[in-house]
Amino acid sequence: MDRLVFTSNATIKEQATARQVLVNDLANVSTVGFKSSYDVALKTVKVNGPGFDSRFQAQAMVRDQIRLTPGPIMATGRPMDIALAETAVMTVQAPNGDVAFTRRGDLRVNPQGQLENGSGHLVLGNGGPIAVPPGMNVSINPDGSIYAKDPAQPATAPSVLIDQLRLRDGSDTKLGRRQDGLFKVDGQPDGTDIALGNAQPRVIPQALEGSNVSAIEAMTKLIDHSRSFETQIRIIKETKALDESGASMMKNA
């Protein structure tokens, strides 16, 4: 009986890890540029204690690797909105100063005159955080070049190049999620940059990318986990009832 209860408890514990990933994905189904994580993986752990040395048990583990599947593109018409095309990521400055990456492209100019996204992370250019001259109209080209134009000038006046978005191609790089929600190179220290490749990352101007989380799929998986949890609890209750019946039979014998 004890072995059956132990097995049910272990199942509940392992499924709790997967539920955490699902709940986080579902909570960000409407977040701009959010990327879901790959499903929970299993690793083999040696069981310590009396018995044979060949006893091993599967244990769930979360590496939180980013799934760069594109989300739906929503045209906004706003000059400072961008959607990262294909597997491109944008380099930003994390709250602790590290170099990190994101797909969130709802850009704006903060009170300090620096370009940041909707999460408040400073967008990095060729020389660090991108500064925008006050009172200028900003536009972004598909190659990531940022132009500014004085609205007081004639319409025929050319725009001035002020910086270039530091874009990286994530197709050949495994990305993980940091504690602050930004992306990093998986398996490398925080702040590690992505090596430049042959592909030229591009953006889609005046558009935003929605979350790539499927709400229906996530809800279906959560329902399956809930049913499995109820099944394991029922097994534990039935095991307890059988154990009590056996104890009562032995007592009356």
C-alpha atoms as a PDB file:
ATOM      1  CA  MET A   1       0.000   0.000   0.000  1.00  0.00           C
ATOM      2  CA  ASP A   2       2.803   2.381   0.886  1.00  0.00           C
ATOM      3  CA  ARG A   3       4.376   1.888  -2.537  1.00  0.00           C
ATOM      4  CA  LEU A   4       1.112   2.776  -4.275  1.00  0.00           C
ATOM      5  CA  VAL A   5       0.730   5.965  -2.232  1.00  0.00           C
ATOM      6  CA  PHE A   6       4.366   6.872  -2.923  1.00  0.00           C
ATOM      7  CA  THR A   7       3.821   6.426  -6.667  1.00  0.00           C
ATOM      8  CA  SER A   8       0.702   8.622  -6.652  1.00  0.00           C
ATOM      9  CA  ASN A   9       2.459  11.347  -4.627  1.00  0.00           C
ATOM     10  CA  ALA A  10       5.436  11.289  -7.001  1.00  0.00           C
ATOM     11  CA  THR A  11       3.075  11.640  -9.988  1.00  0.00           C
ATOM     12  CA  ILE A  12       1.346  14.662  -8.433  1.00  0.00           C
ATOM     13  CA  LYS A  13       4.703  16.272  -7.692  1.00  0.00           C
ATOM     14  CA  GLU A  14       6.052  15.769 -11.204  1.00  0.00           C
ATOM     15  CA  GLN A  15       2.882  17.087 -12.847  1.00  0.00           C
ATOM     16  CA  ALA A  16       2.988  20.221 -10.673  1.00  0.00           C
ATOM     17  CA  THR A  17       6.131  21.314 -12.532  1.00  0.00           C
ATOM     18  CA  ALA A  18       4.378  21.044 -15.889  1.00  0.00           C
ATOM     19  CA  ARG A  19       1.339  22.902 -14.553  1.00  0.00           C
ATOM     20  CA  GLN A  20       3.526  25.852 -13.553  1.00  0.00           C
ATOM     21  CA  VAL A  21       4.748  26.193 -17.138  1.00  0.00           C
ATOM     22  CA  LEU A  22       1.187  25.958 -18.495  1.00  0.00           C
ATOM     23  CA  VAL A  23      -0.176  28.520 -16.038  1.00  0.00           C
ATOM     24  CA  ASN A  24       2.610  30.967 -16.919  1.00  0.00           C
ATOM     25  CA  ASP A  25       1.913  30.544 -20.641  1.00  0.00           C
ATOM     26  CA  LEU A  26      -1.818  30.974 -20.151  1.00  0.00           C
ATOM     27  CA  ALA A  27      -1.326  34.114 -18.042  1.00  0.00           C
ATOM     28  CA  ASN A  28       0.607  35.715 -20.926  1.00  0.00           C
ATOM     29  CA  VAL A  29      -1.758  34.765 -23.751  1.00  0.00           C
ATOM     30  CA  SER A  30      -2.416  38.484 -24.429  1.00  0.00           C
ATOM     31  CA  THR A  31       1.129  39.789 -23.778  1.00  0.00           C
ATOM     32  CA  VAL A  32       2.771  41.434 -26.803  1.00  0.00           C
ATOM     33  CA  GLY A  33       5.626  39.335 -28.184  1.00  0.00           C
ATOM     34  CA  PHE A  34       5.391  36.646 -25.485  1.00  0.00           C
ATOM     35  CA  LYS A  35       6.927  33.280 -26.365  1.00  0.00           C
ATOM     36  CA  SER A  36       5.852  30.016 -24.809  1.00  0.00           C
ATOM     37  CA  SER A  37       8.289  27.478 -23.400  1.00  0.00           C
ATOM     38  CA  TYR A  38       8.901  23.935 -24.537  1.00  0.00           C
ATOM     39  CA  ASP A  39       7.161  21.178 -22.597  1.00  0.00           C
ATOM     40  CA  VAL A  40       8.694  19.828 -19.425  1.00  0.00           C
ATOM     41  CA  ALA A  41      11.464  17.288 -20.006  1.00  0.00           C
ATOM     42  CA  LEU A  42      12.287  14.221 -17.935  1.00  0.00           C
ATOM     43  CA  LYS A  43      15.635  13.251 -16.480  1.00  0.00           C
ATOM     44  CA  THR A  44      16.666  10.016 -14.806  1.00  0.00           C
ATOM     45  CA  VAL A  45      17.610  10.250 -11.139  1.00  0.00           C
ATOM     46  CA  LYS A  46      19.199   7.431  -9.131  1.00  0.00           C
ATOM     47  CA  VAL A  47      17.129   6.455  -6.103  1.00  0.00           C
ATOM     48  CA  ASN A  48      19.166   6.378  -2.892  1.00  0.00           C
ATOM     49  CA  GLY A  49      18.369   3.979  -0.075  1.00  0.00           C
ATOM     50  CA  PRO A  50      18.243   0.267   0.600  1.00  0.00           C
ATOM     51  CA  GLY A  51      17.748  -1.925  -2.424  1.00  0.00           C
ATOM     52  CA  PHE A  52      19.438  -2.589  -5.725  1.00  0.00           C
ATOM     53  CA  ASP A  53      21.875   0.015  -7.091  1.00  0.00           C
ATOM     54  CA  SER A  54      20.120  -0.077 -10.470  1.00  0.00           C
ATOM     55  CA  ARG A  55      16.973   1.704  -9.209  1.00  0.00           C
ATOM     56  CA  PHE A  56      16.260   4.894 -11.145  1.00  0.00           C
ATOM     57  CA  GLN A  57      13.270   7.219 -11.247  1.00  0.00           C
ATOM     58  CA  ALA A  58      12.110   9.714 -13.878  1.00  0.00           C
ATOM     59  CA  GLN A  59      11.974  13.291 -12.584  1.00  0.00           C
ATOM     60  CA  ALA A  60      10.468  16.327 -14.309  1.00  0.00           C
ATOM     61  CA  MET A  61      12.706  19.304 -14.995  1.00  0.00           C
ATOM     62  CA  VAL A  62      12.066  22.748 -16.446  1.00  0.00           C
ATOM     63  CA  ARG A  63      14.732  24.329 -18.623  1.00  0.00           C
ATOM     64  CA  ASP A  64      12.322  27.016 -19.832  1.00  0.00           C
ATOM     65  CA  GLN A  65      13.656  27.048 -23.398  1.00  0.00           C
ATOM     66  CA  ILE A  66      11.929  29.582 -25.616  1.00  0.00           C
ATOM     67  CA  ARG A  67       9.741  28.445 -28.479  1.00  0.00           C
ATOM     68  CA  LEU A  68      10.313  31.053 -31.225  1.00  0.00           C
ATOM     69  CA  THR A  69       7.237  30.077 -33.210  1.00  0.00           C
ATOM     70  CA  PRO A  70       5.851  33.387 -34.615  1.00  0.00           C
ATOM     71  CA  GLY A  71       2.631  34.737 -33.156  1.00  0.00           C
ATOM     72  CA  PRO A  72      -0.124  36.580 -35.032  1.00  0.00           C
ATOM     73  CA  ILE A  73       0.904  39.910 -36.593  1.00  0.00           C
ATOM     74  CA  MET A  74      -1.391  42.841 -35.793  1.00  0.00           C
ATOM     75  CA  ALA A  75      -1.126  46.011 -37.884  1.00  0.00           C
ATOM     76  CA  THR A  76      -1.277  49.099 -35.656  1.00  0.00           C
ATOM     77  CA  GLY A  77      -0.216  51.960 -37.965  1.00  0.00           C
ATOM     78  CA  ARG A  78       1.862  53.394 -35.114  1.00  0.00           C
ATOM     79  CA  PRO A  79       5.316  54.462 -36.411  1.00  0.00           C
ATOM     80  CA  MET A  80       7.182  53.161 -33.335  1.00  0.00           C
ATOM     81  CA  ASP A  81       5.577  49.712 -33.259  1.00  0.00           C
ATOM     82  CA  ILE A  82       7.586  46.832 -34.713  1.00  0.00           C
ATOM     83  CA  ALA A  83       7.086  43.084 -34.994  1.00  0.00           C
ATOM     84  CA  LEU A  84      10.194  40.913 -35.098  1.00  0.00           C
ATOM     85  CA  ALA A  85      10.148  38.864 -38.304  1.00  0.00           C
ATOM     86  CA  GLU A  86      10.711  35.080 -38.273  1.00  0.00           C
ATOM     87  CA  THR A  87      13.246  34.184 -35.520  1.00  0.00           C
ATOM     88  CA  ALA A  88      14.744  37.644 -35.002  1.00  0.00           C
ATOM     89  CA  VAL A  89      15.143  39.019 -31.470  1.00  0.00           C
ATOM     90  CA  MET A  90      15.847  42.553 -30.294  1.00  0.00           C
ATOM     91  CA  THR A  91      18.635  43.377 -27.863  1.00  0.00           C
ATOM     92  CA  VAL A  92      17.641  45.302 -24.756  1.00  0.00           C
ATOM     93  CA  GLN A  93      19.203  46.228 -21.430  1.00  0.00           C
ATOM     94  CA  ALA A  94      17.989  44.163 -18.490  1.00  0.00           C
ATOM     95  CA  PRO A  95      17.197  45.872 -15.159  1.00  0.00           C
ATOM     96  CA  ASN A  96      20.579  44.738 -13.785  1.00  0.00           C
ATOM     97  CA  GLY A  97      22.430  46.140 -16.814  1.00  0.00           C
ATOM     98  CA  ASP A  98      22.977  42.829 -18.639  1.00  0.00           C
ATOM     99  CA  VAL A  99      22.446  42.386 -22.361  1.00  0.00           C
ATOM    100  CA  ALA A 100      19.222  40.453 -22.939  1.00  0.00           C
ATOM    101  CA  PHE A 101      16.753  39.803 -25.744  1.00  0.00           C
ATOM    102  CA  THR A 102      13.033  40.182 -26.337  1.00  0.00           C
ATOM    103  CA  ARG A 103      10.361  40.005 -29.012  1.00  0.00           C
ATOM    104  CA  ARG A 104       8.258  42.788 -27.525  1.00  0.00           C
ATOM    105  CA  GLY A 105       8.230  45.690 -29.988  1.00  0.00           C
ATOM    106  CA  ASP A 106       5.803  48.295 -28.598  1.00  0.00           C
ATOM    107  CA  LEU A 107       8.447  51.007 -28.461  1.00  0.00           C
ATOM    108  CA  ARG A 108       8.205  54.471 -26.917  1.00  0.00           C
ATOM    109  CA  VAL A 109      10.428  57.319 -25.767  1.00  0.00           C
ATOM    110  CA  ASN A 110      10.756  57.583 -21.987  1.00  0.00           C
ATOM    111  CA  PRO A 111      11.038  60.899 -20.075  1.00  0.00           C
ATOM    112  CA  GLN A 112      14.846  60.648 -20.287  1.00  0.00           C
ATOM    113  CA  GLY A 113      14.675  60.670 -24.092  1.00  0.00           C
ATOM    114  CA  GLN A 114      15.681  57.013 -24.454  1.00  0.00           C
ATOM    115  CA  LEU A 115      13.926  54.350 -26.485  1.00  0.00           C
ATOM    116  CA  GLU A 116      12.277  51.581 -24.451  1.00  0.00           C
ATOM    117  CA  ASN A 117       9.630  48.928 -25.007  1.00  0.00           C
ATOM    118  CA  GLY A 118       6.324  48.416 -23.232  1.00  0.00           C
ATOM    119  CA  SER A 119       8.022  46.534 -20.382  1.00  0.00           C
ATOM    120  CA  GLY A 120      10.331  49.475 -19.674  1.00  0.00           C
ATOM    121  CA  HIS A 121      13.502  47.803 -20.977  1.00  0.00           C
ATOM    122  CA  LEU A 122      15.935  50.140 -22.750  1.00  0.00           C
ATOM    123  CA  VAL A 123      16.434  49.264 -26.420  1.00  0.00           C
ATOM    124  CA  LEU A 124      20.095  48.943 -27.416  1.00  0.00           C
ATOM    125  CA  GLY A 125      21.663  50.237 -30.603  1.00  0.00           C
ATOM    126  CA  ASN A 126      25.194  50.190 -31.938  1.00  0.00           C
ATOM    127  CA  GLY A 127      26.551  52.269 -29.071  1.00  0.00           C
ATOM    128  CA  GLY A 128      24.271  51.381 -26.160  1.00  0.00           C
ATOM    129  CA  PRO A 129      20.805  52.690 -25.248  1.00  0.00           C
ATOM    130  CA  ILE A 130      19.219  54.593 -28.124  1.00  0.00           C
ATOM    131  CA  ALA A 131      18.656  58.303 -27.474  1.00  0.00           C
ATOM    132  CA  VAL A 132      15.960  60.141 -29.421  1.00  0.00           C
ATOM    133  CA  PRO A 133      16.201  63.939 -29.924  1.00  0.00           C
ATOM    134  CA  PRO A 134      13.290  65.687 -28.183  1.00  0.00           C
ATOM    135  CA  GLY A 135      10.303  66.653 -30.300  1.00  0.00           C
ATOM    136  CA  MET A 136      11.283  64.496 -33.263  1.00  0.00           C
ATOM    137  CA  ASN A 137       9.040  62.096 -35.183  1.00  0.00           C
ATOM    138  CA  VAL A 138      10.572  58.625 -35.210  1.00  0.00           C
ATOM    139  CA  SER A 139      10.212  55.962 -37.898  1.00  0.00           C
ATOM    140  CA  ILE A 140      11.786  52.509 -38.151  1.00  0.00           C
ATOM    141  CA  ASN A 141      12.729  50.726 -41.377  1.00  0.00           C
ATOM    142  CA  PRO A 142      12.517  46.939 -41.946  1.00  0.00           C
ATOM    143  CA  ASP A 143      16.300  46.608 -41.510  1.00  0.00           C
ATOM    144  CA  GLY A 144      16.068  48.144 -38.027  1.00  0.00           C
ATOM    145  CA  SER A 145      17.446  51.582 -38.906  1.00  0.00           C
ATOM    146  CA  ILE A 146      15.843  54.394 -36.887  1.00  0.00           C
ATOM    147  CA  TYR A 147      15.167  57.758 -38.498  1.00  0.00           C
ATOM    148  CA  ALA A 148      14.029  61.005 -36.909  1.00  0.00           C
ATOM    149  CA  LYS A 149      12.490  64.068 -38.505  1.00  0.00           C
ATOM    150  CA  ASP A 150      11.637  67.485 -37.128  1.00  0.00           C
ATOM    151  CA  PRO A 151       7.884  68.019 -37.627  1.00  0.00           C
ATOM    152  CA  ALA A 152       8.529  71.761 -38.093  1.00  0.00           C
ATOM    153  CA  GLN A 153      10.553  71.118 -41.245  1.00  0.00           C
ATOM    154  CA  PRO A 154       8.970  70.897 -44.720  1.00  0.00           C
ATOM    155  CA  ALA A 155       7.567  67.542 -45.789  1.00  0.00           C
ATOM    156  CA  THR A 156      10.298  67.226 -48.415  1.00  0.00           C
ATOM    157  CA  ALA A 157      13.075  67.479 -45.819  1.00  0.00           C
ATOM    158  CA  PRO A 158      14.938  64.165 -45.434  1.00  0.00           C
ATOM    159  CA  SER A 159      14.851  62.175 -42.208  1.00  0.00           C
ATOM    160  CA  VAL A 160      18.065  61.776 -40.221  1.00  0.00           C
ATOM    161  CA  LEU A 161      19.485  58.388 -39.240  1.00  0.00           C
ATOM    162  CA  ILE A 162      19.984  58.360 -35.453  1.00  0.00           C
ATOM    163  CA  ASP A 163      20.789  54.708 -34.719  1.00  0.00           C
ATOM    164  CA  GLN A 164      20.281  51.064 -35.630  1.00  0.00           C
ATOM    165  CA  LEU A 165      18.387  48.460 -33.640  1.00  0.00           C
ATOM    166  CA  ARG A 166      20.728  45.735 -32.414  1.00  0.00           C
ATOM    167  CA  LEU A 167      18.935  42.757 -33.944  1.00  0.00           C
ATOM    168  CA  ARG A 168      20.038  39.145 -33.671  1.00  0.00           C
ATOM    169  CA  ASP A 169      18.976  35.946 -35.439  1.00  0.00           C
ATOM    170  CA  GLY A 170      17.884  33.282 -32.956  1.00  0.00           C
ATOM    171  CA  SER A 171      17.327  30.451 -35.434  1.00  0.00           C
ATOM    172  CA  ASP A 172      20.586  28.653 -34.570  1.00  0.00           C
ATOM    173  CA  THR A 173      20.708  29.605 -30.870  1.00  0.00           C
ATOM    174  CA  LYS A 174      18.835  28.004 -27.977  1.00  0.00           C
ATOM    175  CA  LEU A 175      17.283  30.723 -25.866  1.00  0.00           C
ATOM    176  CA  GLY A 176      16.217  30.435 -22.247  1.00  0.00           C
ATOM    177  CA  ARG A 177      14.058  32.655 -20.064  1.00  0.00           C
ATOM    178  CA  ARG A 178      15.615  34.859 -17.394  1.00  0.00           C
ATOM    179  CA  GLN A 179      14.033  35.579 -14.017  1.00  0.00           C
ATOM    180  CA  ASP A 180      12.886  38.985 -15.336  1.00  0.00           C
ATOM    181  CA  GLY A 181      11.129  37.391 -18.339  1.00  0.00           C
ATOM    182  CA  LEU A 182      13.725  38.422 -20.942  1.00  0.00           C
ATOM    183  CA  PHE A 183      15.597  35.934 -23.126  1.00  0.00           C
ATOM    184  CA  LYS A 184      19.196  34.789 -22.758  1.00  0.00           C
ATOM    185  CA  VAL A 185      21.509  32.323 -24.478  1.00  0.00           C
ATOM    186  CA  ASP A 186      20.648  28.993 -22.882  1.00  0.00           C
ATOM    187  CA  GLY A 187      23.517  27.369 -21.032  1.00  0.00           C
ATOM    188  CA  GLN A 188      25.630  30.551 -21.030  1.00  0.00           C
ATOM    189  CA  PRO A 189      26.086  33.227 -18.334  1.00  0.00           C
ATOM    190  CA  ASP A 190      23.593  36.090 -18.298  1.00  0.00           C
ATOM    191  CA  GLY A 191      24.654  38.909 -20.611  1.00  0.00           C
ATOM    192  CA  THR A 192      26.123  36.642 -23.310  1.00  0.00           C
ATOM    193  CA  ASP A 193      25.463  38.051 -26.782  1.00  0.00           C
ATOM    194  CA  ILE A 194      24.237  36.005 -29.742  1.00  0.00           C
ATOM    195  CA  ALA A 195      26.874  35.472 -32.405  1.00  0.00           C
ATOM    196  CA  LEU A 196      26.232  37.201 -35.713  1.00  0.00           C
ATOM    197  CA  GLY A 197      25.120  34.882 -38.492  1.00  0.00           C
ATOM    198  CA  ASN A 198      24.652  35.094 -42.223  1.00  0.00           C
ATOM    199  CA  ALA A 199      20.912  35.819 -41.978  1.00  0.00           C
ATOM    200  CA  GLN A 200      19.945  39.479 -41.696  1.00  0.00           C
ATOM    201  CA  PRO A 201      17.259  39.910 -38.998  1.00  0.00           C
ATOM    202  CA  ARG A 202      14.380  42.145 -40.021  1.00  0.00           C
ATOM    203  CA  VAL A 203      11.368  43.785 -38.452  1.00  0.00           C
ATOM    204  CA  ILE A 204       7.842  44.558 -39.629  1.00  0.00           C
ATOM    205  CA  PRO A 205       7.176  48.284 -39.100  1.00  0.00           C
ATOM    206  CA  GLN A 206       3.889  49.622 -37.736  1.00  0.00           C
ATOM    207  CA  ALA A 207       2.810  46.213 -36.435  1.00  0.00           C
ATOM    208  CA  LEU A 208       2.976  44.146 -33.261  1.00  0.00           C
ATOM    209  CA  GLU A 209       3.341  40.428 -32.725  1.00  0.00           C
ATOM    210  CA  GLY A 210       0.868  38.722 -30.436  1.00  0.00           C
ATOM    211  CA  SER A 211       1.627  35.869 -28.057  1.00  0.00           C
ATOM    212  CA  ASN A 212       2.266  32.480 -29.669  1.00  0.00           C
ATOM    213  CA  VAL A 213       0.404  30.725 -26.839  1.00  0.00           C
ATOM    214  CA  SER A 214      -2.724  28.854 -27.935  1.00  0.00           C
ATOM    215  CA  ALA A 215      -5.291  29.481 -25.209  1.00  0.00           C
ATOM    216  CA  ILE A 216      -7.378  26.468 -26.281  1.00  0.00           C
ATOM    217  CA  GLU A 217      -4.396  24.115 -26.261  1.00  0.00           C
ATOM    218  CA  ALA A 218      -3.196  25.395 -22.874  1.00  0.00           C
ATOM    219  CA  MET A 219      -6.664  25.076 -21.336  1.00  0.00           C
ATOM    220  CA  THR A 220      -7.020  21.532 -22.697  1.00  0.00           C
ATOM    221  CA  LYS A 221      -3.715  20.519 -21.127  1.00  0.00           C
ATOM    222  CA  LEU A 222      -4.735  22.086 -17.812  1.00  0.00           C
ATOM    223  CA  ILE A 223      -7.992  20.095 -17.855  1.00  0.00           C
ATOM    224  CA  ASP A 224      -6.005  16.891 -18.477  1.00  0.00           C
ATOM    225  CA  HIS A 225      -3.714  17.735 -15.552  1.00  0.00           C
ATOM    226  CA  SER A 226      -6.719  18.427 -13.325  1.00  0.00           C
ATOM    227  CA  ARG A 227      -8.296  15.073 -14.170  1.00  0.00           C
ATOM    228  CA  SER A 228      -5.009  13.287 -13.568  1.00  0.00           C
ATOM    229  CA  PHE A 229      -4.668  15.024 -10.190  1.00  0.00           C
ATOM    230  CA  GLU A 230      -8.176  13.921  -9.189  1.00  0.00           C
ATOM    231  CA  THR A 231      -7.352  10.344 -10.249  1.00  0.00           C
ATOM    232  CA  GLN A 232      -4.207  10.238  -8.112  1.00  0.00           C
ATOM    233  CA  ILE A 233      -6.075  11.650  -5.083  1.00  0.00           C
ATOM    234  CA  ARG A 234      -8.787   9.020  -5.566  1.00  0.00           C
ATOM    235  CA  ILE A 235      -6.124   6.284  -5.653  1.00  0.00           C
ATOM    236  CA  ILE A 236      -4.657   7.568  -2.382  1.00  0.00           C
ATOM    237  CA  LYS A 237      -8.098   7.604  -0.731  1.00  0.00           C
ATOM    238  CA  GLU A 238      -8.905   4.083  -1.927  1.00  0.00           C
ATOM    239  CA  THR A 239      -5.507   2.882  -0.706  1.00  0.00           C
ATOM    240  CA  LYS A 240      -6.199   4.397   2.692  1.00  0.00           C
ATOM    241  CA  ALA A 241      -9.602   2.679   2.849  1.00  0.00           C
ATOM    242  CA  LEU A 242      -8.065  -0.683   1.914  1.00  0.00           C
ATOM    243  CA  ASP A 243      -5.348  -0.240   4.521  1.00  0.00           C
ATOM    244  CA  GLU A 244      -7.925   0.571   7.204  1.00  0.00           C
ATOM    245  CA  SER A 245     -10.008  -2.460   6.185  1.00  0.00           C
ATOM    246  CA  GLY A 246      -6.968  -4.703   6.409  1.00  0.00           C
ATOM    247  CA  ALA A 247      -6.028  -3.325   9.813  1.00  0.00           C
ATOM    248  CA  SER A 248      -9.572  -3.836  11.088  1.00  0.00           C
ATOM    249  CA  MET A 249      -9.614  -7.411   9.780  1.00  0.00           C
ATOM    250  CA  MET A 250      -6.327  -8.194  11.509  1.00  0.00           C
ATOM    251  CA  LYS A 251      -7.600  -6.630  14.742  1.00  0.00           C
ATOM    252  CA  ASN A 252     -10.780  -8.746  14.786  1.00  0.00           C
ATOM    253  CA  ALA A 253      -8.990 -11.934  13.826  1.00  0.00           C
END
